[in-house]
Amino acid sequence: MSSKQDELRWHEEAYRDFRSLVNGIDPMRFEERWLDGRWGVREIVAHLAGWHRELATGFERMSRGERPAPEGVDWTDTQRWNDVFAAGAQGKDKAQILKELDEEEARFRRLGEQLPDDRFGPDKTANKMFERVGTGHFRTHAAMIRGWLQQRAAA
């Protein structure tokens, strides 16, 4: 299997696991703010959708031979981006937020799939984007949410 195929498979597995987890959370718990008193599952899902939307545009630029981030855009200021993305969930219900995640994840994956195979490999930008925004990000947040659910169940 090529590195591109591996990244796509790992991403899909992590996404399915995360999506299954959050789908099973009732709407009241979905709204709880348990992470630093500011974030809960709602904000986590919204920020994942936002990162997928933002970095999908990076894949588009890469396919044209450009740098992923546009000139003057700094993706390393993650807290600022996270806050913007989480704020995008305001006024939306669980179904709307999950639909946005589904749409943005599908676009991110599709645009990643369209990149040539040689854009993937150890230390290549496409791999890093899949890991940081997709695979690793889904796994990290799934673990956080599972930990929160276990603490709630034990209480």
C-alpha atoms as a PDB file:
ATOM      1  CA  MET A   1       0.000   0.000   0.000  1.00  0.00           C
ATOM      2  CA  SER A   2       1.281   3.472  -0.774  1.00  0.00           C
ATOM      3  CA  SER A   3       1.673   6.124   1.878  1.00  0.00           C
ATOM      4  CA  LYS A   4      -1.281   7.974   0.345  1.00  0.00           C
ATOM      5  CA  GLN A   5      -3.489   4.909   0.648  1.00  0.00           C
ATOM      6  CA  ASP A   6      -2.362   4.405   4.251  1.00  0.00           C
ATOM      7  CA  GLU A   7      -3.152   8.009   5.172  1.00  0.00           C
ATOM      8  CA  LEU A   8      -6.587   7.786   3.591  1.00  0.00           C
ATOM      9  CA  ARG A   9      -7.375   4.510   5.338  1.00  0.00           C
ATOM     10  CA  TRP A  10      -6.167   5.719   8.748  1.00  0.00           C
ATOM     11  CA  HIS A  11      -8.100   8.942   8.338  1.00  0.00           C
ATOM     12  CA  GLU A  12     -11.302   7.089   7.437  1.00  0.00           C
ATOM     13  CA  GLU A  13     -10.939   4.713  10.391  1.00  0.00           C
ATOM     14  CA  ALA A  14     -10.350   7.547  12.862  1.00  0.00           C
ATOM     15  CA  TYR A  15     -13.241   9.543  11.434  1.00  0.00           C
ATOM     16  CA  ARG A  16     -15.684   6.622  11.611  1.00  0.00           C
ATOM     17  CA  ASP A  17     -14.686   5.954  15.222  1.00  0.00           C
ATOM     18  CA  PHE A  18     -15.058   9.619  16.218  1.00  0.00           C
ATOM     19  CA  ARG A  19     -18.324  10.039  14.343  1.00  0.00           C
ATOM     20  CA  SER A  20     -19.801   6.918  15.919  1.00  0.00           C
ATOM     21  CA  LEU A  21     -18.815   8.174  19.360  1.00  0.00           C
ATOM     22  CA  VAL A  22     -20.343  11.637  19.032  1.00  0.00           C
ATOM     23  CA  ASN A  23     -23.423  10.357  17.250  1.00  0.00           C
ATOM     24  CA  GLY A  24     -24.262   8.362  20.383  1.00  0.00           C
ATOM     25  CA  ILE A  25     -24.120  11.369  22.702  1.00  0.00           C
ATOM     26  CA  ASP A  26     -27.537  12.701  23.602  1.00  0.00           C
ATOM     27  CA  PRO A  27     -28.251  16.349  22.732  1.00  0.00           C
ATOM     28  CA  MET A  28     -28.126  17.530  26.360  1.00  0.00           C
ATOM     29  CA  ARG A  29     -24.641  16.113  26.911  1.00  0.00           C
ATOM     30  CA  PHE A  30     -23.584  17.391  23.491  1.00  0.00           C
ATOM     31  CA  GLU A  31     -24.231  20.896  24.841  1.00  0.00           C
ATOM     32  CA  GLU A  32     -22.347  20.525  28.155  1.00  0.00           C
ATOM     33  CA  ARG A  33     -19.194  22.599  28.507  1.00  0.00           C
ATOM     34  CA  TRP A  34     -16.821  20.375  30.426  1.00  0.00           C
ATOM     35  CA  LEU A  35     -13.451  21.229  28.886  1.00  0.00           C
ATOM     36  CA  ASP A  36     -12.062  24.257  30.738  1.00  0.00           C
ATOM     37  CA  GLY A  37     -15.659  25.339  31.263  1.00  0.00           C
ATOM     38  CA  ARG A  38     -15.695  26.736  27.725  1.00  0.00           C
ATOM     39  CA  TRP A  39     -15.841  23.761  25.415  1.00  0.00           C
ATOM     40  CA  GLY A  40     -17.773  20.548  25.102  1.00  0.00           C
ATOM     41  CA  VAL A  41     -18.531  18.108  22.329  1.00  0.00           C
ATOM     42  CA  ARG A  42     -20.329  20.837  20.367  1.00  0.00           C
ATOM     43  CA  GLU A  43     -17.223  23.035  20.210  1.00  0.00           C
ATOM     44  CA  ILE A  44     -14.908  20.094  19.560  1.00  0.00           C
ATOM     45  CA  VAL A  45     -16.983  18.980  16.573  1.00  0.00           C
ATOM     46  CA  ALA A  46     -17.227  22.541  15.231  1.00  0.00           C
ATOM     47  CA  HIS A  47     -13.503  23.097  15.473  1.00  0.00           C
ATOM     48  CA  LEU A  48     -12.797  19.784  13.717  1.00  0.00           C
ATOM     49  CA  ALA A  49     -15.135  20.845  10.907  1.00  0.00           C
ATOM     50  CA  GLY A  50     -13.392  24.219  10.725  1.00  0.00           C
ATOM     51  CA  TRP A  51      -9.914  22.726  10.496  1.00  0.00           C
ATOM     52  CA  HIS A  52     -11.061  20.335   7.771  1.00  0.00           C
ATOM     53  CA  ARG A  53     -12.591  23.238   5.846  1.00  0.00           C
ATOM     54  CA  GLU A  54      -9.476  25.373   6.200  1.00  0.00           C
ATOM     55  CA  LEU A  55      -6.965  22.688   5.283  1.00  0.00           C
ATOM     56  CA  ALA A  56      -9.078  21.384   2.406  1.00  0.00           C
ATOM     57  CA  THR A  57      -8.337  24.729   0.792  1.00  0.00           C
ATOM     58  CA  GLY A  58      -4.672  23.932   1.446  1.00  0.00           C
ATOM     59  CA  PHE A  59      -5.039  20.730  -0.574  1.00  0.00           C
ATOM     60  CA  GLU A  60      -6.634  22.771  -3.376  1.00  0.00           C
ATOM     61  CA  ARG A  61      -3.653  25.127  -3.413  1.00  0.00           C
ATOM     62  CA  MET A  62      -1.206  22.218  -3.300  1.00  0.00           C
ATOM     63  CA  SER A  63      -2.898  20.683  -6.346  1.00  0.00           C
ATOM     64  CA  ARG A  64      -2.108  23.926  -8.203  1.00  0.00           C
ATOM     65  CA  GLY A  65       1.521  23.800  -7.085  1.00  0.00           C
ATOM     66  CA  GLU A  66       1.083  26.497  -4.427  1.00  0.00           C
ATOM     67  CA  ARG A  67       1.900  26.536  -0.739  1.00  0.00           C
ATOM     68  CA  PRO A  68      -0.967  25.133   1.360  1.00  0.00           C
ATOM     69  CA  ALA A  69      -1.504  28.305   3.397  1.00  0.00           C
ATOM     70  CA  PRO A  70      -2.200  31.511   1.529  1.00  0.00           C
ATOM     71  CA  GLU A  71       0.259  34.358   1.856  1.00  0.00           C
ATOM     72  CA  GLY A  72      -0.136  36.050   5.230  1.00  0.00           C
ATOM     73  CA  VAL A  73      -2.144  33.226   6.816  1.00  0.00           C
ATOM     74  CA  ASP A  74      -0.636  31.594   9.897  1.00  0.00           C
ATOM     75  CA  TRP A  75      -2.132  28.216  10.756  1.00  0.00           C
ATOM     76  CA  THR A  76       0.252  27.834  13.697  1.00  0.00           C
ATOM     77  CA  ASP A  77      -1.813  30.233  15.810  1.00  0.00           C
ATOM     78  CA  THR A  78      -4.032  27.293  16.685  1.00  0.00           C
ATOM     79  CA  GLN A  79      -5.829  28.825  19.658  1.00  0.00           C
ATOM     80  CA  ARG A  80      -7.091  31.736  17.585  1.00  0.00           C
ATOM     81  CA  TRP A  81      -8.287  29.367  14.849  1.00  0.00           C
ATOM     82  CA  ASN A  82      -9.850  26.999  17.387  1.00  0.00           C
ATOM     83  CA  ASP A  83     -11.799  29.855  18.965  1.00  0.00           C
ATOM     84  CA  VAL A  84     -13.052  31.052  15.577  1.00  0.00           C
ATOM     85  CA  PHE A  85     -14.114  27.559  14.550  1.00  0.00           C
ATOM     86  CA  ALA A  86     -15.829  26.808  17.875  1.00  0.00           C
ATOM     87  CA  ALA A  87     -17.691  30.119  17.721  1.00  0.00           C
ATOM     88  CA  GLY A  88     -19.103  28.973  14.389  1.00  0.00           C
ATOM     89  CA  ALA A  89     -21.251  26.454  16.275  1.00  0.00           C
ATOM     90  CA  GLN A  90     -23.294  29.116  18.027  1.00  0.00           C
ATOM     91  CA  GLY A  91     -26.984  28.903  17.272  1.00  0.00           C
ATOM     92  CA  LYS A  92     -26.700  25.499  15.598  1.00  0.00           C
ATOM     93  CA  ASP A  93     -28.094  22.243  16.877  1.00  0.00           C
ATOM     94  CA  LYS A  94     -26.315  18.904  17.065  1.00  0.00           C
ATOM     95  CA  ALA A  95     -27.600  17.720  13.677  1.00  0.00           C
ATOM     96  CA  GLN A  96     -26.410  20.884  11.923  1.00  0.00           C
ATOM     97  CA  ILE A  97     -22.953  20.733  13.470  1.00  0.00           C
ATOM     98  CA  LEU A  98     -22.539  17.044  12.655  1.00  0.00           C
ATOM     99  CA  LYS A  99     -23.721  17.650   9.090  1.00  0.00           C
ATOM    100  CA  GLU A 100     -21.060  20.349   8.696  1.00  0.00           C
ATOM    101  CA  LEU A 101     -18.416  17.967  10.004  1.00  0.00           C
ATOM    102  CA  ASP A 102     -19.535  15.277   7.560  1.00  0.00           C
ATOM    103  CA  GLU A 103     -19.433  17.708   4.644  1.00  0.00           C
ATOM    104  CA  GLU A 104     -16.075  19.238   5.523  1.00  0.00           C
ATOM    105  CA  GLU A 105     -14.451  15.875   6.257  1.00  0.00           C
ATOM    106  CA  ALA A 106     -15.683  14.495   2.911  1.00  0.00           C
ATOM    107  CA  ARG A 107     -14.323  17.531   1.046  1.00  0.00           C
ATOM    108  CA  PHE A 108     -10.984  17.344   2.886  1.00  0.00           C
ATOM    109  CA  ARG A 109     -10.652  13.628   2.104  1.00  0.00           C
ATOM    110  CA  ARG A 110     -11.725  14.046  -1.543  1.00  0.00           C
ATOM    111  CA  LEU A 111      -9.237  16.845  -2.155  1.00  0.00           C
ATOM    112  CA  GLY A 112      -6.508  14.856  -0.410  1.00  0.00           C
ATOM    113  CA  GLU A 113      -7.300  11.850  -2.596  1.00  0.00           C
ATOM    114  CA  GLN A 114      -6.883  14.019  -5.688  1.00  0.00           C
ATOM    115  CA  LEU A 115      -3.312  14.948  -4.823  1.00  0.00           C
ATOM    116  CA  PRO A 116      -0.667  12.995  -6.730  1.00  0.00           C
ATOM    117  CA  ASP A 117       0.868  10.047  -4.891  1.00  0.00           C
ATOM    118  CA  ASP A 118       4.276  11.757  -4.808  1.00  0.00           C
ATOM    119  CA  ARG A 119       2.856  14.437  -2.494  1.00  0.00           C
ATOM    120  CA  PHE A 120       2.671  11.743   0.217  1.00  0.00           C
ATOM    121  CA  GLY A 121       5.450  10.113   2.197  1.00  0.00           C
ATOM    122  CA  PRO A 122       7.475  10.519   5.363  1.00  0.00           C
ATOM    123  CA  ASP A 123       7.691  14.182   6.392  1.00  0.00           C
ATOM    124  CA  LYS A 124       5.611  15.306   3.412  1.00  0.00           C
ATOM    125  CA  THR A 125       3.096  18.110   3.910  1.00  0.00           C
ATOM    126  CA  ALA A 126       0.064  16.055   2.838  1.00  0.00           C
ATOM    127  CA  ASN A 127       0.845  13.415   5.470  1.00  0.00           C
ATOM    128  CA  LYS A 128       1.265  16.075   8.135  1.00  0.00           C
ATOM    129  CA  MET A 129      -2.036  17.679   7.195  1.00  0.00           C
ATOM    130  CA  PHE A 130      -3.879  14.354   7.392  1.00  0.00           C
ATOM    131  CA  GLU A 131      -2.310  13.523  10.751  1.00  0.00           C
ATOM    132  CA  ARG A 132      -2.722  16.920  12.409  1.00  0.00           C
ATOM    133  CA  VAL A 133      -6.206  17.755  11.168  1.00  0.00           C
ATOM    134  CA  GLY A 134      -7.634  14.319  10.516  1.00  0.00           C
ATOM    135  CA  THR A 135      -6.365  11.062  11.918  1.00  0.00           C
ATOM    136  CA  GLY A 136      -4.512  12.276  14.999  1.00  0.00           C
ATOM    137  CA  HIS A 137      -7.007  15.031  15.702  1.00  0.00           C
ATOM    138  CA  PHE A 138      -9.973  12.643  15.629  1.00  0.00           C
ATOM    139  CA  ARG A 139      -8.162  10.157  17.854  1.00  0.00           C
ATOM    140  CA  THR A 140      -7.116  12.814  20.370  1.00  0.00           C
ATOM    141  CA  HIS A 141     -10.608  14.235  20.709  1.00  0.00           C
ATOM    142  CA  ALA A 142     -12.265  10.809  20.783  1.00  0.00           C
ATOM    143  CA  ALA A 143     -10.008   9.912  23.734  1.00  0.00           C
ATOM    144  CA  MET A 144     -10.892  13.184  25.496  1.00  0.00           C
ATOM    145  CA  ILE A 145     -14.608  12.632  25.016  1.00  0.00           C
ATOM    146  CA  ARG A 146     -14.408   9.005  26.140  1.00  0.00           C
ATOM    147  CA  GLY A 147     -12.542  10.097  29.262  1.00  0.00           C
ATOM    148  CA  TRP A 148     -15.208  12.695  30.010  1.00  0.00           C
ATOM    149  CA  LEU A 149     -17.995  10.155  29.485  1.00  0.00           C
ATOM    150  CA  GLN A 150     -16.253   7.660  31.789  1.00  0.00           C
ATOM    151  CA  GLN A 151     -15.858  10.313  34.494  1.00  0.00           C
ATOM    152  CA  ARG A 152     -19.552  11.197  34.196  1.00  0.00           C
ATOM    153  CA  ALA A 153     -20.548   7.535  34.434  1.00  0.00           C
ATOM    154  CA  ALA A 154     -18.362   7.040  37.527  1.00  0.00           C
ATOM    155  CA  ALA A 155     -19.805  10.081  39.296  1.00  0.00           C
END
